Amino acid sequence: MQTPPRISVVIPAYNCADTLARAVDSAVAGADYARTAMNLPLHTEIVVVNGASTDDTAAAIAALDARLAAAPHITFKSTFFSPNRGPGPSRNEGVRLASAPFIAFLDADDEYLPPHLGLCLSALLADRSIGYVWTRRRLDVPVHPSWGPSLDRSTVMNLCVRRIWHEIAKGFPEHADFLKISCEDSFYRIVLAALAEGRAIDEETVLVHFQPGNSLDRQKEKFATPLHDWDGDREIAQPTPAIMSLLEDRLAYVERLKSELRGN
């Protein structure tokens, strides 16, 4: 009998008591949709990493753990990760705790639309040469359409990756400068694109919510402006020399791997 496919959804959680249940429930709904509407008998593991939250996130996690304990085809895991070092290190910790061969990421203030998990996993199961897939995102604030492809290629909540490629890519960067700049998603996508073949799925499957102070909030003016009119010098923060050096080192590592595989 063929083993059902398994996927792990990794959710970094920092001071998100008010939104975490919505995010987790969207992953559960996506798993149910894949099984019922798409006839994909997957088992879904949800891994929440509490990055030393100071609000009621721990209580929200405990409530989810109790509610999902008997959920069929769902495994719920959580861990406390201290000190808080940002979403990148928390995601890496979540992947270490996860057990599935396919990894998806979700922010605790966003949510999946029902087809997300099924579409991503179906594409990866159909073609073993693909290392990862990504979908389009829907934002709940006005965004100029010219930004769409750029945004979809620079975030990870709309991404599903084979675990092996996450590990070969060395996961998300963990340098302290990413706490100030918050460009770990772009860094990860650049390295992954250099390492493995990816494929776009032309459907909106992730809903990104505006929250006061989050990345979308800080960049509202930028995303409301046509891409070709945006002045890069107006960016809130530029990558530091340490971040650029780390990216160069990671890309050089990828090129060395490719060279070894070619026998050069």
C-alpha atoms as a PDB file:
ATOM      1  CA  MET A   1       0.000   0.000   0.000  1.00  0.00           C
ATOM      2  CA  GLN A   2       1.354   3.421  -0.976  1.00  0.00           C
ATOM      3  CA  THR A   3       2.305   5.708   1.911  1.00  0.00           C
ATOM      4  CA  PRO A   4       0.116   8.853   2.019  1.00  0.00           C
ATOM      5  CA  PRO A   5       2.053  12.063   1.229  1.00  0.00           C
ATOM      6  CA  ARG A   6       3.059  14.157   4.228  1.00  0.00           C
ATOM      7  CA  ILE A   7       3.590  17.890   4.508  1.00  0.00           C
ATOM      8  CA  SER A   8       4.705  20.063   7.427  1.00  0.00           C
ATOM      9  CA  VAL A   9       3.448  23.637   7.824  1.00  0.00           C
ATOM     10  CA  VAL A  10       5.909  25.715   9.868  1.00  0.00           C
ATOM     11  CA  ILE A  11       4.509  28.801  11.611  1.00  0.00           C
ATOM     12  CA  PRO A  12       6.771  31.198  13.550  1.00  0.00           C
ATOM     13  CA  ALA A  13       4.740  32.790  16.327  1.00  0.00           C
ATOM     14  CA  TYR A  14       5.732  35.964  18.151  1.00  0.00           C
ATOM     15  CA  ASN A  15       3.122  37.945  20.085  1.00  0.00           C
ATOM     16  CA  CYS A  16       0.341  36.696  17.825  1.00  0.00           C
ATOM     17  CA  ALA A  17      -2.277  35.507  20.303  1.00  0.00           C
ATOM     18  CA  ASP A  18      -5.062  37.256  18.372  1.00  0.00           C
ATOM     19  CA  THR A  19      -4.273  35.777  14.941  1.00  0.00           C
ATOM     20  CA  LEU A  20      -2.560  32.417  15.481  1.00  0.00           C
ATOM     21  CA  ALA A  21      -5.754  30.338  15.597  1.00  0.00           C
ATOM     22  CA  ARG A  22      -6.882  31.835  12.281  1.00  0.00           C
ATOM     23  CA  ALA A  23      -3.584  30.851  10.654  1.00  0.00           C
ATOM     24  CA  VAL A  24      -3.610  27.315  12.057  1.00  0.00           C
ATOM     25  CA  ASP A  25      -7.277  26.801  11.186  1.00  0.00           C
ATOM     26  CA  SER A  26      -6.539  27.839   7.600  1.00  0.00           C
ATOM     27  CA  ALA A  27      -3.876  25.122   7.383  1.00  0.00           C
ATOM     28  CA  VAL A  28      -6.336  22.575   8.781  1.00  0.00           C
ATOM     29  CA  ALA A  29      -8.986  23.717   6.279  1.00  0.00           C
ATOM     30  CA  GLY A  30      -6.428  23.404   3.479  1.00  0.00           C
ATOM     31  CA  ALA A  31      -5.586  19.870   4.552  1.00  0.00           C
ATOM     32  CA  ASP A  32      -9.286  18.949   4.628  1.00  0.00           C
ATOM     33  CA  TYR A  33      -9.831  20.530   1.199  1.00  0.00           C
ATOM     34  CA  ALA A  34      -6.960  18.526  -0.288  1.00  0.00           C
ATOM     35  CA  ARG A  35      -8.435  15.299   1.033  1.00  0.00           C
ATOM     36  CA  THR A  36     -12.079  15.935   0.129  1.00  0.00           C
ATOM     37  CA  ALA A  37     -12.079  18.215  -2.928  1.00  0.00           C
ATOM     38  CA  MET A  38      -8.820  17.055  -4.529  1.00  0.00           C
ATOM     39  CA  ASN A  39      -8.776  13.401  -3.459  1.00  0.00           C
ATOM     40  CA  LEU A  40      -5.245  13.802  -2.091  1.00  0.00           C
ATOM     41  CA  PRO A  41      -4.903  11.643   1.057  1.00  0.00           C
ATOM     42  CA  LEU A  42      -2.197  13.688   2.707  1.00  0.00           C
ATOM     43  CA  HIS A  43      -1.230  13.833   6.363  1.00  0.00           C
ATOM     44  CA  THR A  44      -0.524  17.363   7.548  1.00  0.00           C
ATOM     45  CA  GLU A  45       1.807  18.292  10.380  1.00  0.00           C
ATOM     46  CA  ILE A  46       1.514  21.808  11.821  1.00  0.00           C
ATOM     47  CA  VAL A  47       4.556  23.076  13.715  1.00  0.00           C
ATOM     48  CA  VAL A  48       4.259  26.314  15.702  1.00  0.00           C
ATOM     49  CA  VAL A  49       7.436  27.905  17.038  1.00  0.00           C
ATOM     50  CA  ASN A  50       6.798  30.336  19.885  1.00  0.00           C
ATOM     51  CA  GLY A  51       9.635  32.848  19.665  1.00  0.00           C
ATOM     52  CA  ALA A  52       9.574  33.833  23.347  1.00  0.00           C
ATOM     53  CA  SER A  53       6.298  35.743  23.055  1.00  0.00           C
ATOM     54  CA  THR A  54       5.331  38.082  25.871  1.00  0.00           C
ATOM     55  CA  ASP A  55       1.565  38.106  25.226  1.00  0.00           C
ATOM     56  CA  ASP A  56      -0.925  35.198  25.433  1.00  0.00           C
ATOM     57  CA  THR A  57       0.554  33.271  22.490  1.00  0.00           C
ATOM     58  CA  ALA A  58       1.474  30.360  24.776  1.00  0.00           C
ATOM     59  CA  ALA A  59      -2.158  30.066  25.910  1.00  0.00           C
ATOM     60  CA  ALA A  60      -3.342  30.196  22.285  1.00  0.00           C
ATOM     61  CA  ILE A  61      -0.944  27.371  21.410  1.00  0.00           C
ATOM     62  CA  ALA A  62      -2.158  25.288  24.357  1.00  0.00           C
ATOM     63  CA  ALA A  63      -5.764  25.760  23.246  1.00  0.00           C
ATOM     64  CA  LEU A  64      -4.909  24.686  19.699  1.00  0.00           C
ATOM     65  CA  ASP A  65      -3.012  21.662  20.989  1.00  0.00           C
ATOM     66  CA  ALA A  66      -6.050  20.548  22.985  1.00  0.00           C
ATOM     67  CA  ARG A  67      -8.487  21.191  20.142  1.00  0.00           C
ATOM     68  CA  LEU A  68      -6.426  19.418  17.478  1.00  0.00           C
ATOM     69  CA  ALA A  69      -5.272  16.472  19.603  1.00  0.00           C
ATOM     70  CA  ALA A  70      -7.885  14.157  18.107  1.00  0.00           C
ATOM     71  CA  ALA A  71      -8.078  15.746  14.646  1.00  0.00           C
ATOM     72  CA  PRO A  72      -7.818  13.071  11.944  1.00  0.00           C
ATOM     73  CA  HIS A  73      -4.868  13.362   9.547  1.00  0.00           C
ATOM     74  CA  ILE A  74      -3.463  16.338  11.512  1.00  0.00           C
ATOM     75  CA  THR A  75      -0.449  16.340  13.831  1.00  0.00           C
ATOM     76  CA  PHE A  76       0.065  19.488  15.897  1.00  0.00           C
ATOM     77  CA  LYS A  77       3.456  20.276  17.403  1.00  0.00           C
ATOM     78  CA  SER A  78       4.853  23.323  19.153  1.00  0.00           C
ATOM     79  CA  THR A  79       8.071  24.441  20.768  1.00  0.00           C
ATOM     80  CA  PHE A  80       9.312  27.424  22.771  1.00  0.00           C
ATOM     81  CA  PHE A  81      12.296  29.107  21.134  1.00  0.00           C
ATOM     82  CA  SER A  82      14.204  31.650  23.221  1.00  0.00           C
ATOM     83  CA  PRO A  83      15.425  34.294  22.827  1.00  0.00           C
ATOM     84  CA  ASN A  84      13.351  35.669  19.967  1.00  0.00           C
ATOM     85  CA  ARG A  85      15.698  35.979  16.982  1.00  0.00           C
ATOM     86  CA  GLY A  86      13.149  36.674  14.274  1.00  0.00           C
ATOM     87  CA  PRO A  87      11.180  34.517  11.849  1.00  0.00           C
ATOM     88  CA  GLY A  88      14.165  33.008  10.010  1.00  0.00           C
ATOM     89  CA  PRO A  89      15.714  31.187  12.988  1.00  0.00           C
ATOM     90  CA  SER A  90      12.218  30.233  14.191  1.00  0.00           C
ATOM     91  CA  ARG A  91      11.432  28.663  10.813  1.00  0.00           C
ATOM     92  CA  ASN A  92      14.707  26.740  10.895  1.00  0.00           C
ATOM     93  CA  GLU A  93      13.806  25.449  14.349  1.00  0.00           C
ATOM     94  CA  GLY A  94      10.368  24.461  13.074  1.00  0.00           C
ATOM     95  CA  VAL A  95      11.860  22.493  10.190  1.00  0.00           C
ATOM     96  CA  ARG A  96      14.163  20.686  12.634  1.00  0.00           C
ATOM     97  CA  LEU A  97      11.086  19.663  14.624  1.00  0.00           C
ATOM     98  CA  ALA A  98       9.098  18.748  11.514  1.00  0.00           C
ATOM     99  CA  SER A  99       9.119  15.236  10.076  1.00  0.00           C
ATOM    100  CA  ALA A 100       7.565  15.511   6.596  1.00  0.00           C
ATOM    101  CA  PRO A 101       9.503  15.515   3.295  1.00  0.00           C
ATOM    102  CA  PHE A 102       7.632  18.620   2.078  1.00  0.00           C
ATOM    103  CA  ILE A 103       7.724  21.929   3.943  1.00  0.00           C
ATOM    104  CA  ALA A 104       5.353  24.900   3.712  1.00  0.00           C
ATOM    105  CA  PHE A 105       5.641  28.157   5.617  1.00  0.00           C
ATOM    106  CA  LEU A 106       2.924  30.409   7.003  1.00  0.00           C
ATOM    107  CA  ASP A 107       3.129  33.597   9.044  1.00  0.00           C
ATOM    108  CA  ALA A 108       0.973  33.688  12.150  1.00  0.00           C
ATOM    109  CA  ASP A 109      -0.945  36.775  10.991  1.00  0.00           C
ATOM    110  CA  ASP A 110      -1.754  35.417   7.506  1.00  0.00           C
ATOM    111  CA  GLU A 111      -3.781  32.476   6.219  1.00  0.00           C
ATOM    112  CA  TYR A 112      -3.949  29.894   3.484  1.00  0.00           C
ATOM    113  CA  LEU A 113      -6.862  29.773   1.098  1.00  0.00           C
ATOM    114  CA  PRO A 114      -8.276  26.221   0.877  1.00  0.00           C
ATOM    115  CA  PRO A 115      -6.522  25.050  -2.335  1.00  0.00           C
ATOM    116  CA  HIS A 116      -2.999  26.022  -1.249  1.00  0.00           C
ATOM    117  CA  LEU A 117      -1.614  22.810   0.239  1.00  0.00           C
ATOM    118  CA  GLY A 118      -3.245  20.527  -2.306  1.00  0.00           C
ATOM    119  CA  LEU A 119      -2.105  22.516  -5.327  1.00  0.00           C
ATOM    120  CA  CYS A 120       1.469  22.814  -4.091  1.00  0.00           C
ATOM    121  CA  LEU A 121       1.819  19.187  -3.105  1.00  0.00           C
ATOM    122  CA  SER A 122       0.165  17.896  -6.279  1.00  0.00           C
ATOM    123  CA  ALA A 123       2.665  19.838  -8.411  1.00  0.00           C
ATOM    124  CA  LEU A 124       5.648  18.507  -6.470  1.00  0.00           C
ATOM    125  CA  LEU A 125       4.383  14.933  -6.514  1.00  0.00           C
ATOM    126  CA  ALA A 126       3.806  15.113 -10.272  1.00  0.00           C
ATOM    127  CA  ASP A 127       7.366  16.169 -11.154  1.00  0.00           C
ATOM    128  CA  ARG A 128      10.317  15.044  -9.038  1.00  0.00           C
ATOM    129  CA  SER A 129      12.648  17.429 -10.913  1.00  0.00           C
ATOM    130  CA  ILE A 130      10.980  20.429  -9.251  1.00  0.00           C
ATOM    131  CA  GLY A 131      12.545  21.472  -5.960  1.00  0.00           C
ATOM    132  CA  TYR A 132       9.882  23.952  -4.915  1.00  0.00           C
ATOM    133  CA  VAL A 133       6.728  25.694  -6.080  1.00  0.00           C
ATOM    134  CA  TRP A 134       5.129  29.017  -5.285  1.00  0.00           C
ATOM    135  CA  THR A 135       1.702  30.548  -5.769  1.00  0.00           C
ATOM    136  CA  ARG A 136       0.312  34.063  -5.939  1.00  0.00           C
ATOM    137  CA  ARG A 137      -0.669  36.013  -2.859  1.00  0.00           C
ATOM    138  CA  ARG A 138      -3.724  38.127  -2.177  1.00  0.00           C
ATOM    139  CA  LEU A 139      -3.186  41.199  -0.011  1.00  0.00           C
ATOM    140  CA  ASP A 140      -5.945  42.891   1.956  1.00  0.00           C
ATOM    141  CA  VAL A 141      -4.612  46.410   1.251  1.00  0.00           C
ATOM    142  CA  PRO A 142      -4.378  48.180  -2.137  1.00  0.00           C
ATOM    143  CA  VAL A 143      -1.264  47.114  -4.052  1.00  0.00           C
ATOM    144  CA  HIS A 144      -0.353  48.269  -7.541  1.00  0.00           C
ATOM    145  CA  PRO A 145      -0.571  45.222  -9.851  1.00  0.00           C
ATOM    146  CA  SER A 146       2.952  45.788 -11.163  1.00  0.00           C
ATOM    147  CA  TRP A 147       4.299  44.549  -7.818  1.00  0.00           C
ATOM    148  CA  GLY A 148       2.527  41.166  -7.980  1.00  0.00           C
ATOM    149  CA  PRO A 149       5.201  38.945  -9.581  1.00  0.00           C
ATOM    150  CA  SER A 150       7.982  40.569  -7.570  1.00  0.00           C
ATOM    151  CA  LEU A 151       6.177  40.026  -4.281  1.00  0.00           C
ATOM    152  CA  ASP A 152       5.259  36.450  -5.133  1.00  0.00           C
ATOM    153  CA  ARG A 153       8.919  35.644  -5.807  1.00  0.00           C
ATOM    154  CA  SER A 154      10.289  37.240  -2.648  1.00  0.00           C
ATOM    155  CA  THR A 155       8.214  35.723   0.166  1.00  0.00           C
ATOM    156  CA  VAL A 156       7.887  32.235   1.619  1.00  0.00           C
ATOM    157  CA  MET A 157       4.326  31.936   2.925  1.00  0.00           C
ATOM    158  CA  ASN A 158       3.278  31.112  -0.662  1.00  0.00           C
ATOM    159  CA  LEU A 159       6.102  28.575  -1.042  1.00  0.00           C
ATOM    160  CA  CYS A 160       6.297  24.793  -0.692  1.00  0.00           C
ATOM    161  CA  VAL A 161       9.741  23.176  -0.818  1.00  0.00           C
ATOM    162  CA  ARG A 162      11.141  19.692  -0.678  1.00  0.00           C
ATOM    163  CA  ARG A 163      12.800  19.374   2.714  1.00  0.00           C
ATOM    164  CA  ILE A 164      16.038  18.119   1.166  1.00  0.00           C
ATOM    165  CA  TRP A 165      16.484  21.394  -0.749  1.00  0.00           C
ATOM    166  CA  HIS A 166      15.781  23.458   2.359  1.00  0.00           C
ATOM    167  CA  GLU A 167      18.548  21.571   4.116  1.00  0.00           C
ATOM    168  CA  ILE A 168      20.998  21.784   1.231  1.00  0.00           C
ATOM    169  CA  ALA A 169      20.308  25.548   1.034  1.00  0.00           C
ATOM    170  CA  LYS A 170      21.231  25.722   4.764  1.00  0.00           C
ATOM    171  CA  GLY A 171      17.823  27.109   5.666  1.00  0.00           C
ATOM    172  CA  PHE A 172      17.130  30.720   6.516  1.00  0.00           C
ATOM    173  CA  PRO A 173      19.945  33.110   7.447  1.00  0.00           C
ATOM    174  CA  GLU A 174      20.347  33.676  11.180  1.00  0.00           C
ATOM    175  CA  HIS A 175      22.578  36.759  11.327  1.00  0.00           C
ATOM    176  CA  ALA A 176      21.402  39.336  13.896  1.00  0.00           C
ATOM    177  CA  ASP A 177      21.119  42.046  11.204  1.00  0.00           C
ATOM    178  CA  PHE A 178      17.991  40.344   9.847  1.00  0.00           C
ATOM    179  CA  LEU A 179      16.140  41.435  12.988  1.00  0.00           C
ATOM    180  CA  LYS A 180      16.617  45.026  11.789  1.00  0.00           C
ATOM    181  CA  ILE A 181      16.233  44.585   8.030  1.00  0.00           C
ATOM    182  CA  SER A 182      13.704  41.698   7.760  1.00  0.00           C
ATOM    183  CA  CYS A 183      14.816  40.501   4.331  1.00  0.00           C
ATOM    184  CA  GLU A 184      15.348  36.842   5.242  1.00  0.00           C
ATOM    185  CA  ASP A 185      12.542  35.743   2.892  1.00  0.00           C
ATOM    186  CA  SER A 186      14.199  37.359  -0.137  1.00  0.00           C
ATOM    187  CA  PHE A 187      17.575  35.931   0.892  1.00  0.00           C
ATOM    188  CA  TYR A 188      16.100  32.421   1.132  1.00  0.00           C
ATOM    189  CA  ARG A 189      14.329  32.683  -2.221  1.00  0.00           C
ATOM    190  CA  ILE A 190      17.477  33.942  -3.981  1.00  0.00           C
ATOM    191  CA  VAL A 191      19.534  31.027  -2.664  1.00  0.00           C
ATOM    192  CA  LEU A 192      16.799  28.490  -3.414  1.00  0.00           C
ATOM    193  CA  ALA A 193      16.420  29.776  -6.983  1.00  0.00           C
ATOM    194  CA  ALA A 194      20.169  29.431  -7.529  1.00  0.00           C
ATOM    195  CA  LEU A 195      20.126  25.893  -6.159  1.00  0.00           C
ATOM    196  CA  ALA A 196      17.008  24.121  -7.463  1.00  0.00           C
ATOM    197  CA  GLU A 197      14.383  24.354 -10.171  1.00  0.00           C
ATOM    198  CA  GLY A 198      11.161  26.038  -9.068  1.00  0.00           C
ATOM    199  CA  ARG A 199       7.772  26.402 -10.685  1.00  0.00           C
ATOM    200  CA  ALA A 200       5.055  29.034 -10.341  1.00  0.00           C
ATOM    201  CA  ILE A 201       1.419  28.084  -9.800  1.00  0.00           C
ATOM    202  CA  ASP A 202      -0.753  30.828 -11.249  1.00  0.00           C
ATOM    203  CA  GLU A 203      -3.410  30.918  -8.534  1.00  0.00           C
ATOM    204  CA  GLU A 204      -3.950  33.078  -5.456  1.00  0.00           C
ATOM    205  CA  THR A 205      -3.771  30.711  -2.513  1.00  0.00           C
ATOM    206  CA  VAL A 206      -2.480  32.825   0.374  1.00  0.00           C
ATOM    207  CA  LEU A 207      -4.174  35.794   2.057  1.00  0.00           C
ATOM    208  CA  VAL A 208      -1.748  38.318   3.536  1.00  0.00           C
ATOM    209  CA  HIS A 209      -3.283  40.541   6.194  1.00  0.00           C
ATOM    210  CA  PHE A 210      -2.477  44.083   7.149  1.00  0.00           C
ATOM    211  CA  GLN A 211      -1.497  44.344  10.809  1.00  0.00           C
ATOM    212  CA  PRO A 212      -0.266  47.551  12.462  1.00  0.00           C
ATOM    213  CA  GLY A 213       3.518  47.504  12.443  1.00  0.00           C
ATOM    214  CA  ASN A 214       3.969  44.429  10.253  1.00  0.00           C
ATOM    215  CA  SER A 215       5.980  44.370   7.023  1.00  0.00           C
ATOM    216  CA  LEU A 216       2.943  45.142   4.865  1.00  0.00           C
ATOM    217  CA  ASP A 217       2.049  48.107   7.058  1.00  0.00           C
ATOM    218  CA  ARG A 218       5.568  49.530   6.840  1.00  0.00           C
ATOM    219  CA  GLN A 219       5.584  49.300   3.045  1.00  0.00           C
ATOM    220  CA  LYS A 220       2.078  50.504   2.169  1.00  0.00           C
ATOM    221  CA  GLU A 221       3.326  53.573   0.308  1.00  0.00           C
ATOM    222  CA  LYS A 222       5.841  51.537  -1.673  1.00  0.00           C
ATOM    223  CA  PHE A 223       3.347  48.910  -2.839  1.00  0.00           C
ATOM    224  CA  ALA A 224       0.719  51.489  -3.781  1.00  0.00           C
ATOM    225  CA  THR A 225       3.249  53.089  -6.169  1.00  0.00           C
ATOM    226  CA  PRO A 226       3.873  51.562  -9.640  1.00  0.00           C
ATOM    227  CA  LEU A 227       7.008  49.452  -9.557  1.00  0.00           C
ATOM    228  CA  HIS A 228       8.775  51.461 -12.270  1.00  0.00           C
ATOM    229  CA  ASP A 229       8.101  54.707 -10.350  1.00  0.00           C
ATOM    230  CA  TRP A 230       9.468  53.522  -7.026  1.00  0.00           C
ATOM    231  CA  ASP A 231      12.799  55.046  -5.994  1.00  0.00           C
ATOM    232  CA  GLY A 232      14.924  52.359  -4.364  1.00  0.00           C
ATOM    233  CA  ASP A 233      16.694  55.009  -2.317  1.00  0.00           C
ATOM    234  CA  ARG A 234      13.436  55.455  -0.401  1.00  0.00           C
ATOM    235  CA  GLU A 235      13.540  51.926   0.978  1.00  0.00           C
ATOM    236  CA  ILE A 236      12.986  51.789   4.711  1.00  0.00           C
ATOM    237  CA  ALA A 237      16.264  49.928   5.204  1.00  0.00           C
ATOM    238  CA  GLN A 238      18.972  48.625   2.914  1.00  0.00           C
ATOM    239  CA  PRO A 239      20.737  45.275   3.445  1.00  0.00           C
ATOM    240  CA  THR A 240      23.787  45.695   5.621  1.00  0.00           C
ATOM    241  CA  PRO A 241      27.302  44.771   4.455  1.00  0.00           C
ATOM    242  CA  ALA A 242      27.105  41.698   6.694  1.00  0.00           C
ATOM    243  CA  ILE A 243      23.906  40.531   4.985  1.00  0.00           C
ATOM    244  CA  MET A 244      25.359  41.079   1.509  1.00  0.00           C
ATOM    245  CA  SER A 245      28.536  39.222   2.475  1.00  0.00           C
ATOM    246  CA  LEU A 246      26.496  36.325   3.834  1.00  0.00           C
ATOM    247  CA  LEU A 247      24.466  36.175   0.613  1.00  0.00           C
ATOM    248  CA  GLU A 248      27.629  36.163  -1.505  1.00  0.00           C
ATOM    249  CA  ASP A 249      29.055  33.339   0.632  1.00  0.00           C
ATOM    250  CA  ARG A 250      25.845  31.302   0.373  1.00  0.00           C
ATOM    251  CA  LEU A 251      25.675  31.720  -3.421  1.00  0.00           C
ATOM    252  CA  ALA A 252      29.346  30.785  -3.741  1.00  0.00           C
ATOM    253  CA  TYR A 253      28.585  27.634  -1.747  1.00  0.00           C
ATOM    254  CA  VAL A 254      25.755  26.805  -4.175  1.00  0.00           C
ATOM    255  CA  GLU A 255      28.078  27.246  -7.156  1.00  0.00           C
ATOM    256  CA  ARG A 256      30.658  24.938  -5.541  1.00  0.00           C
ATOM    257  CA  LEU A 257      27.986  22.273  -5.102  1.00  0.00           C
ATOM    258  CA  LYS A 258      26.914  22.581  -8.712  1.00  0.00           C
ATOM    259  CA  SER A 259      30.512  22.379  -9.873  1.00  0.00           C
ATOM    260  CA  GLU A 260      31.069  19.197  -7.856  1.00  0.00           C
ATOM    261  CA  LEU A 261      27.931  17.633  -9.336  1.00  0.00           C
ATOM    262  CA  ARG A 262      29.185  18.465 -12.834  1.00  0.00           C
ATOM    263  CA  GLY A 263      32.481  16.823 -11.973  1.00  0.00           C
ATOM    264  CA  ASN A 264      34.476  20.007 -12.476  1.00  0.00           C
END
